[in-house]
Structure formats: structure tokens, C-alpha cells
Amino acid sequence: MIKKVASLALTGISVLGMASETAAGGRSVECYEQVNRPAVYDTVYEDVLVSPAGQQVQYEAPIYGTRERVVQIAPARVSYETVPAITRTIYRSVRVNDGGYSWEWRIINGRKVLCKVRHKARYERMAEIVVVEPERRRRVVLPAEYESVAEEVLVRPEQRRIIDIPASYQTVARRVVVREGSSSWRRVHIPRHCQY
């Protein structure tokens, strides 16, 4: 490349010399014109990493439910209670007066006379409460007491999953130089001016 540039430089100097000579009234012997070759480009497509591969941890909360359960709220126990006495009312005749004799004034056939009067014994009906069965203490066994309660139970524990996330790429277009642009000199023939 350095040699090519040097050659072009020398050629340019020669042309300048010719031009100077022409300007000075000399005749052109050789003529050259500059030829430019533009650069050639192409579009290439390539995958560019947008985000690298990684892992994501996903959590799922535990699930709870409700279950009915029978629990004992009071144990079996023994207590005592008083059973009142059983009574009955009976009736009997009681002699309240033994009877006997007494002296009383009476009017008999218009005459007032003192009479010895006999009196019978007098009885009265009296009620009496008798105990059929006396008061007593009775042993009472109380069974255990139970109750149904709702309690929270774990149906499914907390779960953790690791998810692999692949790398993410994006296709981008890029222009690349296929051939660099160049410049060269080409000899030309111009009638009545330059000999070819």
C-alpha cells in the first residue's frame, strides 16, 4: 500500500510537471485521469445478547384448611347430692278427754234438780307426719363433657421452585465494509493533446 501511494505521488508529480510544461507552452506527451472506486458495503445480521441466562425463584404460599375435632372440655367427675327424706301423713284418733261424771243442774218436769251426768271420752282426729325413708346423700357420677371445635390444619406446605431463564438475544443489522474505497490513475488519450 505504501508503494502504491508512492507510485501515485510520483505520477501526480509527473502530471503536474506536464501541466506546467503545457502551461509554459510545451506539448502533452501523456495524460492521466484519476479513477475513484467507492467502498463496497454489505449488511450482516448477528445475534446480540440482551440479557444473560439466570434463575428465578418462585414461591407458592402454604395452603391451610379447617378441620372439625372433638375435644374434652371437662373430665368425668363424682359429686354428691342430698336426697330429701320421704315422709307420709297418717291420721289417728287421739283421746283428748277421758270423760267421767259431773254434777249439773237441770230442769226436769218443772222441777230443778241436781243430776249426776256421765260424759263419754272425747276423741279428735290428728294428723302426724312419719318418715318413710330418711334423708341421705347420693353419689352422682358426671360423665366427661366434649365439644366440637374447628382448627386450622396445613393442607400443603410452602413450595419453592427454581425456574431457569434462558439467555435473551436480539438480531441486529450492521453494515460492514466488504471492499475499501480506492483511488488510482488511468492513462487517457485526448486527440490533438495527449498521445496514447
Protein backbone atom coordinates (compact mmCIF):
# COMPACT_ATOMS: atom_id res chain seq x y z
CA MET A 1 0.00 0.00 0.00
CA ILE A 2 2.87 2.35 0.78
CA LYS A 3 4.44 1.55 -2.61
CA LYS A 4 1.12 2.27 -4.34
CA VAL A 5 0.78 5.63 -2.64
CA ALA A 6 4.37 6.48 -3.55
CA SER A 7 3.72 5.50 -7.17
CA LEU A 8 0.59 7.65 -7.27
CA ALA A 9 2.51 10.53 -5.77
CA LEU A 10 5.23 10.26 -8.38
CA THR A 11 2.64 10.06 -11.14
CA GLY A 12 0.96 13.13 -9.78
CA ILE A 13 4.24 14.97 -9.80
CA SER A 14 4.78 13.92 -13.43
CA VAL A 15 1.32 15.16 -14.39
CA LEU A 16 1.93 18.40 -12.60
CA GLY A 17 5.20 18.68 -14.45
CA MET A 18 3.36 18.11 -17.73
CA ALA A 19 0.73 20.66 -16.84
CA SER A 20 3.40 23.13 -16.00
CA GLU A 21 5.08 22.32 -19.23
CA THR A 22 1.78 22.77 -21.11
CA ALA A 23 1.15 25.99 -19.37
CA ALA A 24 4.62 27.01 -20.34
CA GLY A 25 3.82 26.26 -24.00
CA GLY A 26 5.06 22.62 -24.13
CA ARG A 27 3.23 19.69 -25.73
CA SER A 28 1.47 16.97 -23.65
CA VAL A 29 3.03 13.63 -24.14
CA GLU A 30 0.97 11.51 -21.67
CA CYS A 31 -2.30 12.28 -19.88
CA TYR A 32 -3.84 10.59 -16.87
CA GLU A 33 -7.12 10.94 -15.09
CA GLN A 34 -7.97 9.92 -11.55
CA VAL A 35 -10.31 6.94 -11.13
CA ASN A 36 -12.10 6.61 -7.78
CA ARG A 37 -13.53 3.27 -6.75
CA PRO A 38 -16.10 3.67 -3.93
CA ALA A 39 -16.08 1.39 -0.93
CA VAL A 40 -18.39 -1.63 -1.08
CA TYR A 41 -20.62 -2.28 1.94
CA ASP A 42 -22.80 -5.18 2.96
CA THR A 43 -25.35 -5.71 5.72
CA VAL A 44 -24.70 -8.55 8.13
CA TYR A 45 -27.04 -9.80 10.83
CA GLU A 46 -25.84 -11.03 14.16
CA ASP A 47 -27.40 -12.04 17.47
CA VAL A 48 -26.61 -9.70 20.33
CA LEU A 49 -27.05 -10.76 23.98
CA VAL A 50 -29.80 -8.68 25.58
CA SER A 51 -29.97 -10.41 28.95
CA PRO A 52 -27.85 -13.30 30.21
CA ALA A 53 -29.24 -16.61 31.37
CA GLY A 54 -30.28 -16.78 35.00
CA GLN A 55 -32.56 -18.38 37.55
CA GLN A 56 -35.73 -17.17 39.22
CA VAL A 57 -37.08 -18.49 42.49
CA GLN A 58 -40.87 -18.77 42.58
CA TYR A 59 -42.62 -19.12 45.93
CA GLU A 60 -46.07 -20.56 46.48
CA ALA A 61 -47.70 -19.75 49.80
CA PRO A 62 -48.87 -22.60 52.07
CA ILE A 63 -52.50 -23.67 51.90
CA TYR A 64 -54.49 -24.09 55.10
CA GLY A 65 -57.86 -25.70 55.72
CA THR A 66 -60.30 -26.17 58.58
CA ARG A 67 -60.98 -29.45 60.34
CA GLU A 68 -63.57 -30.28 62.98
CA ARG A 69 -62.22 -32.01 66.07
CA VAL A 70 -63.90 -33.21 69.25
CA VAL A 71 -62.09 -32.13 72.40
CA GLN A 72 -62.76 -32.83 76.06
CA ILE A 73 -63.67 -29.69 77.95
CA ALA A 74 -64.37 -31.36 81.34
CA PRO A 75 -63.25 -34.76 82.66
CA ALA A 76 -65.54 -37.28 84.28
CA ARG A 77 -66.12 -36.46 87.93
CA VAL A 78 -68.06 -37.58 91.01
CA SER A 79 -70.32 -35.37 93.09
CA TYR A 80 -72.74 -35.91 95.95
CA GLU A 81 -76.23 -34.61 96.36
CA THR A 82 -78.68 -34.68 99.23
CA VAL A 83 -81.82 -36.70 98.72
CA PRO A 84 -84.57 -35.34 100.98
CA ALA A 85 -86.41 -37.65 103.33
CA ILE A 86 -89.61 -39.31 102.19
CA THR A 87 -92.48 -38.66 104.58
CA ARG A 88 -96.12 -39.62 104.85
CA THR A 89 -99.01 -38.11 106.73
CA ILE A 90 -101.09 -40.50 108.82
CA TYR A 91 -104.23 -39.73 110.76
CA ARG A 92 -105.25 -41.26 114.10
CA SER A 93 -107.79 -40.65 116.80
CA VAL A 94 -106.45 -39.21 119.98
CA ARG A 95 -108.44 -39.09 123.20
CA VAL A 96 -108.45 -35.55 124.32
CA ASN A 97 -110.87 -36.06 127.23
CA ASP A 98 -111.27 -39.17 129.36
CA GLY A 99 -114.89 -38.45 130.07
CA GLY A 100 -116.36 -39.19 133.52
CA TYR A 101 -119.12 -37.74 135.72
CA SER A 102 -120.12 -34.24 136.58
CA TRP A 103 -122.93 -32.62 138.52
CA GLU A 104 -125.24 -30.37 136.58
CA TRP A 105 -128.44 -28.52 137.42
CA ARG A 106 -131.25 -29.48 135.12
CA ILE A 107 -134.96 -28.70 134.89
CA ILE A 108 -136.95 -31.94 134.75
CA ASN A 109 -140.76 -31.83 134.73
CA GLY A 110 -140.69 -28.32 136.00
CA ARG A 111 -138.51 -29.20 138.87
CA LYS A 112 -134.92 -28.04 139.28
CA VAL A 113 -132.82 -30.96 140.21
CA LEU A 114 -129.07 -31.65 140.56
CA CYS A 115 -128.14 -34.54 138.37
CA LYS A 116 -125.03 -36.62 138.15
CA VAL A 117 -124.20 -36.70 134.40
CA ARG A 118 -121.94 -39.23 132.76
CA HIS A 119 -119.66 -37.91 129.98
CA LYS A 120 -118.09 -40.12 127.31
CA ALA A 121 -114.45 -39.94 126.42
CA ARG A 122 -113.81 -37.42 123.62
CA TYR A 123 -111.55 -38.18 120.68
CA GLU A 124 -110.12 -35.98 117.95
CA ARG A 125 -108.58 -36.92 114.58
CA MET A 126 -105.00 -35.70 114.46
CA ALA A 127 -102.52 -35.73 111.54
CA GLU A 128 -98.98 -36.99 112.07
CA ILE A 129 -96.06 -36.90 109.63
CA VAL A 130 -93.96 -40.02 109.71
CA VAL A 131 -90.61 -40.59 107.92
CA VAL A 132 -90.84 -43.39 105.41
CA GLU A 133 -87.23 -43.02 104.18
CA PRO A 134 -84.72 -40.76 105.93
CA GLU A 135 -82.63 -38.09 104.23
CA ARG A 136 -79.49 -39.44 102.58
CA ARG A 137 -76.52 -38.46 100.40
CA ARG A 138 -76.38 -39.94 96.95
CA ARG A 139 -73.22 -40.38 94.81
CA VAL A 140 -73.62 -38.99 91.31
CA VAL A 141 -71.14 -39.75 88.52
CA LEU A 142 -70.97 -36.97 85.93
CA PRO A 143 -69.65 -38.07 82.52
CA ALA A 144 -66.90 -36.21 80.68
CA GLU A 145 -68.03 -33.27 78.58
CA TYR A 146 -66.96 -32.88 74.96
CA GLU A 147 -67.21 -30.11 72.42
CA SER A 148 -66.62 -29.90 68.68
CA VAL A 149 -64.09 -27.24 67.72
CA ALA A 150 -62.72 -26.09 64.35
CA GLU A 151 -58.96 -25.97 64.00
CA GLU A 152 -56.68 -24.79 61.22
CA VAL A 153 -54.60 -27.50 59.55
CA LEU A 154 -51.85 -27.32 56.93
CA VAL A 155 -53.03 -28.79 53.64
CA ARG A 156 -49.94 -28.02 51.57
CA PRO A 157 -46.69 -26.53 52.85
CA GLU A 158 -44.89 -23.64 51.25
CA GLN A 159 -43.30 -24.60 47.95
CA ARG A 160 -40.28 -23.15 46.22
CA ARG A 161 -39.44 -23.73 42.59
CA ILE A 162 -36.34 -22.65 40.71
CA ILE A 163 -37.08 -21.62 37.13
CA ASP A 164 -34.23 -21.49 34.63
CA ILE A 165 -34.47 -18.42 32.42
CA PRO A 166 -32.60 -18.77 29.11
CA ALA A 167 -30.46 -16.01 27.73
CA SER A 168 -32.26 -13.48 25.56
CA TYR A 169 -30.82 -12.45 22.22
CA GLN A 170 -31.78 -9.86 19.64
CA THR A 171 -30.86 -9.88 15.98
CA VAL A 172 -29.33 -6.59 14.87
CA ALA A 173 -28.19 -5.45 11.44
CA ARG A 174 -24.72 -3.99 10.96
CA ARG A 175 -23.02 -2.53 7.89
CA VAL A 176 -19.59 -3.87 7.19
CA VAL A 177 -17.01 -2.86 4.61
CA VAL A 178 -16.55 -5.57 2.01
CA ARG A 179 -14.00 -3.63 -0.01
CA GLU A 180 -12.27 -0.43 0.93
CA GLY A 181 -12.61 2.52 -1.44
CA SER A 182 -9.56 3.26 -3.59
CA SER A 183 -8.21 5.86 -5.95
CA SER A 184 -5.93 5.27 -9.00
CA TRP A 185 -4.69 6.98 -12.12
CA ARG A 186 -5.62 5.85 -15.64
CA ARG A 187 -3.81 6.89 -18.78
CA VAL A 188 -6.12 8.55 -21.32
CA HIS A 189 -5.83 9.63 -24.96
CA ILE A 190 -7.09 13.05 -25.92
CA PRO A 191 -6.81 13.82 -29.67
CA ARG A 192 -4.56 16.68 -30.52
CA HIS A 193 -3.48 16.91 -26.93
CA CYS A 194 -2.18 13.67 -25.48
CA GLN A 195 -0.54 10.82 -27.29
CA TYR A 196 -1.71 7.43 -26.20
